[in-house]
Amino acid sequence: MKILDNQNNIIKFNNIYKEQKKNSNIVKEKIEEIFIKILLKNIRLTIPKNELFNEKKNEVYNEIYDQKISEIISKRGLNIINNKNN
């Protein structure tokens, strides 16, 4: 009976470890996403404004575009945050 208890404890520990690793990866992905979005926004600030187009509409479009691009890039992973356990 002692062996079965030990095996169950090992299985539980392994499941907890996998869950923590998964959560850690989600957090890393979100941090990278935020970083990329800030980076894109700041890059856009360096581009001169164009008076021919409605800037407010462009601004909304650019925010949506930057959000989607940052999501895509972060899912692929830049590995800005390295975890030595991976």
N, C-alpha and C. Protein backbone atom coordinates (compact mmCIF):
# COMPACT_ATOMS: atom_id res chain seq x y z
N MET A 1 0.81 -1.19 0.00
CA MET A 1 0.00 0.00 0.00
C MET A 1 0.86 1.26 0.00
N LYS A 2 2.00 1.18 0.65
CA LYS A 2 2.92 2.32 0.73
C LYS A 2 3.43 2.69 -0.67
N ILE A 3 3.69 1.69 -1.51
CA ILE A 3 4.19 1.94 -2.86
C ILE A 3 3.13 2.67 -3.69
N LEU A 4 1.88 2.27 -3.57
CA LEU A 4 0.80 2.93 -4.30
C LEU A 4 0.64 4.38 -3.86
N ASP A 5 0.77 4.63 -2.57
CA ASP A 5 0.69 6.01 -2.06
C ASP A 5 1.81 6.86 -2.64
N ASN A 6 3.00 6.29 -2.69
CA ASN A 6 4.14 7.01 -3.26
C ASN A 6 3.94 7.30 -4.74
N GLN A 7 3.41 6.33 -5.47
CA GLN A 7 3.16 6.52 -6.89
C GLN A 7 2.09 7.60 -7.11
N ASN A 8 1.06 7.57 -6.29
CA ASN A 8 0.02 8.60 -6.40
C ASN A 8 0.58 9.99 -6.10
N ASN A 9 1.45 10.07 -5.11
CA ASN A 9 2.07 11.36 -4.79
C ASN A 9 2.95 11.85 -5.92
N ILE A 10 3.66 10.95 -6.55
CA ILE A 10 4.51 11.32 -7.69
C ILE A 10 3.66 11.80 -8.85
N ILE A 11 2.56 11.12 -9.11
CA ILE A 11 1.65 11.53 -10.18
C ILE A 11 1.06 12.90 -9.89
N LYS A 12 0.63 13.12 -8.65
CA LYS A 12 0.08 14.42 -8.27
C LYS A 12 1.13 15.52 -8.42
N PHE A 13 2.33 15.25 -7.97
CA PHE A 13 3.41 16.22 -8.08
C PHE A 13 3.68 16.55 -9.55
N ASN A 14 3.72 15.53 -10.37
CA ASN A 14 3.98 15.71 -11.80
C ASN A 14 2.88 16.56 -12.44
N ASN A 15 1.63 16.32 -12.07
CA ASN A 15 0.52 17.11 -12.61
C ASN A 15 0.60 18.57 -12.17
N ILE A 16 0.96 18.79 -10.92
CA ILE A 16 1.11 20.15 -10.41
C ILE A 16 2.25 20.86 -11.15
N TYR A 17 3.35 20.16 -11.36
CA TYR A 17 4.50 20.73 -12.07
C TYR A 17 4.11 21.13 -13.50
N LYS A 18 3.39 20.25 -14.19
CA LYS A 18 2.97 20.54 -15.56
C LYS A 18 2.05 21.76 -15.60
N GLU A 19 1.15 21.86 -14.64
CA GLU A 19 0.22 22.98 -14.59
C GLU A 19 0.96 24.29 -14.32
N GLN A 20 1.93 24.27 -13.41
CA GLN A 20 2.70 25.47 -13.11
C GLN A 20 3.54 25.91 -14.32
N LYS A 21 4.10 24.94 -15.01
CA LYS A 21 4.89 25.25 -16.20
C LYS A 21 4.02 25.87 -17.29
N LYS A 22 2.81 25.33 -17.45
CA LYS A 22 1.86 25.86 -18.43
C LYS A 22 1.49 27.30 -18.07
N ASN A 23 1.18 27.54 -16.79
CA ASN A 23 0.83 28.89 -16.34
C ASN A 23 2.00 29.85 -16.52
N SER A 24 3.19 29.38 -16.26
CA SER A 24 4.39 30.20 -16.43
C SER A 24 4.54 30.61 -17.90
N ASN A 25 4.29 29.70 -18.80
CA ASN A 25 4.40 30.00 -20.23
C ASN A 25 3.34 31.01 -20.66
N ILE A 26 2.14 30.92 -20.09
CA ILE A 26 1.07 31.88 -20.41
C ILE A 26 1.47 33.27 -19.95
N VAL A 27 2.01 33.36 -18.75
CA VAL A 27 2.45 34.66 -18.22
C VAL A 27 3.57 35.24 -19.08
N LYS A 28 4.55 34.41 -19.45
CA LYS A 28 5.65 34.89 -20.30
C LYS A 28 5.10 35.40 -21.64
N GLU A 29 4.15 34.69 -22.21
CA GLU A 29 3.56 35.08 -23.48
C GLU A 29 2.87 36.44 -23.36
N LYS A 30 2.13 36.65 -22.28
CA LYS A 30 1.42 37.92 -22.08
C LYS A 30 2.40 39.08 -21.87
N ILE A 31 3.47 38.84 -21.13
CA ILE A 31 4.47 39.89 -20.92
C ILE A 31 5.12 40.27 -22.24
N GLU A 32 5.45 39.28 -23.06
CA GLU A 32 6.03 39.55 -24.37
C GLU A 32 5.03 40.32 -25.24
N GLU A 33 3.77 39.96 -25.16
CA GLU A 33 2.74 40.64 -25.94
C GLU A 33 2.67 42.13 -25.57
N ILE A 34 2.68 42.41 -24.28
CA ILE A 34 2.63 43.80 -23.81
C ILE A 34 3.88 44.56 -24.27
N PHE A 35 5.03 43.93 -24.14
CA PHE A 35 6.29 44.55 -24.56
C PHE A 35 6.26 44.89 -26.05
N ILE A 36 5.83 43.95 -26.86
CA ILE A 36 5.79 44.15 -28.31
C ILE A 36 4.82 45.27 -28.67
N LYS A 37 3.66 45.30 -27.99
CA LYS A 37 2.68 46.34 -28.27
C LYS A 37 3.25 47.72 -27.94
N ILE A 38 3.93 47.85 -26.82
CA ILE A 38 4.55 49.12 -26.44
C ILE A 38 5.63 49.49 -27.47
N LEU A 39 6.41 48.51 -27.88
CA LEU A 39 7.46 48.74 -28.87
C LEU A 39 6.87 49.25 -30.18
N LEU A 40 5.83 48.60 -30.68
CA LEU A 40 5.19 49.03 -31.92
C LEU A 40 4.61 50.44 -31.80
N LYS A 41 3.98 50.71 -30.66
CA LYS A 41 3.40 52.04 -30.45
C LYS A 41 4.48 53.13 -30.48
N ASN A 42 5.60 52.85 -29.85
CA ASN A 42 6.69 53.83 -29.84
C ASN A 42 7.36 53.98 -31.20
N ILE A 43 7.42 52.90 -31.95
CA ILE A 43 7.95 52.99 -33.32
C ILE A 43 7.03 53.88 -34.16
N ARG A 44 5.73 53.71 -33.99
CA ARG A 44 4.76 54.53 -34.72
C ARG A 44 4.89 56.01 -34.40
N LEU A 45 5.27 56.33 -33.18
CA LEU A 45 5.42 57.74 -32.79
C LEU A 45 6.55 58.43 -33.55
N THR A 46 7.47 57.65 -34.09
CA THR A 46 8.59 58.24 -34.85
C THR A 46 8.20 58.59 -36.28
N ILE A 47 7.04 58.09 -36.74
CA ILE A 47 6.59 58.35 -38.11
C ILE A 47 5.88 59.71 -38.14
N PRO A 48 6.26 60.59 -39.06
CA PRO A 48 5.61 61.91 -39.15
C PRO A 48 4.11 61.77 -39.45
N LYS A 49 3.33 62.67 -38.89
CA LYS A 49 1.88 62.68 -39.11
C LYS A 49 1.58 63.15 -40.53
N ASN A 50 0.53 62.58 -41.12
CA ASN A 50 0.09 62.95 -42.46
C ASN A 50 -1.24 63.69 -42.34
N GLU A 51 -1.28 64.91 -42.81
CA GLU A 51 -2.48 65.73 -42.69
C GLU A 51 -3.57 65.34 -43.70
N LEU A 52 -3.26 64.52 -44.69
CA LEU A 52 -4.24 64.16 -45.71
C LEU A 52 -5.28 63.16 -45.21
N PHE A 53 -4.94 62.40 -44.20
CA PHE A 53 -5.85 61.37 -43.73
C PHE A 53 -6.40 61.73 -42.36
N ASN A 54 -7.53 61.15 -42.05
CA ASN A 54 -8.14 61.34 -40.74
C ASN A 54 -7.29 60.61 -39.70
N GLU A 55 -6.59 61.36 -38.89
CA GLU A 55 -5.65 60.77 -37.92
C GLU A 55 -6.35 59.93 -36.86
N LYS A 56 -7.56 60.31 -36.46
CA LYS A 56 -8.27 59.58 -35.41
C LYS A 56 -8.60 58.16 -35.89
N LYS A 57 -9.08 58.04 -37.12
CA LYS A 57 -9.40 56.72 -37.68
C LYS A 57 -8.13 55.88 -37.81
N ASN A 58 -7.07 56.50 -38.29
CA ASN A 58 -5.80 55.79 -38.42
C ASN A 58 -5.29 55.33 -37.07
N GLU A 59 -5.47 56.16 -36.07
CA GLU A 59 -4.99 55.83 -34.73
C GLU A 59 -5.71 54.59 -34.18
N VAL A 60 -7.02 54.54 -34.37
CA VAL A 60 -7.79 53.38 -33.91
C VAL A 60 -7.37 52.13 -34.68
N TYR A 61 -7.25 52.27 -35.99
CA TYR A 61 -6.81 51.14 -36.82
C TYR A 61 -5.43 50.65 -36.38
N ASN A 62 -4.52 51.57 -36.17
CA ASN A 62 -3.16 51.21 -35.78
C ASN A 62 -3.12 50.50 -34.43
N GLU A 63 -3.95 50.94 -33.50
CA GLU A 63 -4.01 50.28 -32.19
C GLU A 63 -4.50 48.83 -32.32
N ILE A 64 -5.53 48.64 -33.13
CA ILE A 64 -6.05 47.28 -33.34
C ILE A 64 -5.01 46.42 -34.05
N TYR A 65 -4.39 46.99 -35.07
CA TYR A 65 -3.36 46.27 -35.82
C TYR A 65 -2.18 45.89 -34.92
N ASP A 66 -1.72 46.84 -34.13
CA ASP A 66 -0.60 46.58 -33.22
C ASP A 66 -0.95 45.49 -32.21
N GLN A 67 -2.18 45.50 -31.72
CA GLN A 67 -2.62 44.47 -30.76
C GLN A 67 -2.55 43.09 -31.40
N LYS A 68 -3.08 42.97 -32.61
CA LYS A 68 -3.09 41.66 -33.29
C LYS A 68 -1.67 41.20 -33.62
N ILE A 69 -0.86 42.11 -34.10
CA ILE A 69 0.53 41.76 -34.42
C ILE A 69 1.27 41.31 -33.17
N SER A 70 1.07 42.01 -32.06
CA SER A 70 1.76 41.65 -30.82
C SER A 70 1.29 40.29 -30.32
N GLU A 71 0.00 39.98 -30.49
CA GLU A 71 -0.52 38.66 -30.10
C GLU A 71 0.14 37.56 -30.94
N ILE A 72 0.19 37.78 -32.23
CA ILE A 72 0.77 36.77 -33.14
C ILE A 72 2.25 36.54 -32.82
N ILE A 73 3.00 37.62 -32.68
CA ILE A 73 4.43 37.51 -32.41
C ILE A 73 4.69 36.82 -31.07
N SER A 74 3.91 37.19 -30.05
CA SER A 74 4.13 36.61 -28.73
C SER A 74 3.78 35.13 -28.70
N LYS A 75 2.79 34.71 -29.49
CA LYS A 75 2.44 33.28 -29.55
C LYS A 75 3.56 32.47 -30.20
N ARG A 76 4.22 33.06 -31.19
CA ARG A 76 5.35 32.39 -31.82
C ARG A 76 6.56 32.38 -30.89
N GLY A 77 6.63 33.38 -30.04
CA GLY A 77 7.67 33.43 -29.02
C GLY A 77 8.93 34.12 -29.47
N LEU A 78 9.25 35.20 -28.79
CA LEU A 78 10.52 35.88 -29.01
C LEU A 78 11.55 35.41 -28.01
N ASN A 79 11.09 34.74 -26.98
CA ASN A 79 11.94 34.28 -25.88
C ASN A 79 12.70 35.43 -25.25
N ILE A 80 12.00 36.55 -25.09
CA ILE A 80 12.59 37.69 -24.37
C ILE A 80 12.85 37.28 -22.94
N ILE A 81 11.91 36.54 -22.39
CA ILE A 81 12.03 36.06 -21.02
C ILE A 81 12.43 34.59 -21.10
N ASN A 82 13.64 34.29 -20.70
CA ASN A 82 14.11 32.91 -20.74
C ASN A 82 13.92 32.27 -19.38
N ASN A 83 13.43 31.05 -19.40
CA ASN A 83 13.26 30.28 -18.17
C ASN A 83 14.29 29.16 -18.22
N LYS A 84 15.17 29.12 -17.26
CA LYS A 84 16.25 28.12 -17.27
C LYS A 84 15.74 26.70 -17.10
N ASN A 85 14.50 26.55 -16.65
CA ASN A 85 13.92 25.22 -16.44
C ASN A 85 13.37 24.61 -17.72
N ASN A 86 13.28 25.42 -18.80
CA ASN A 86 12.72 24.89 -20.06
C ASN A 86 13.74 24.12 -20.83
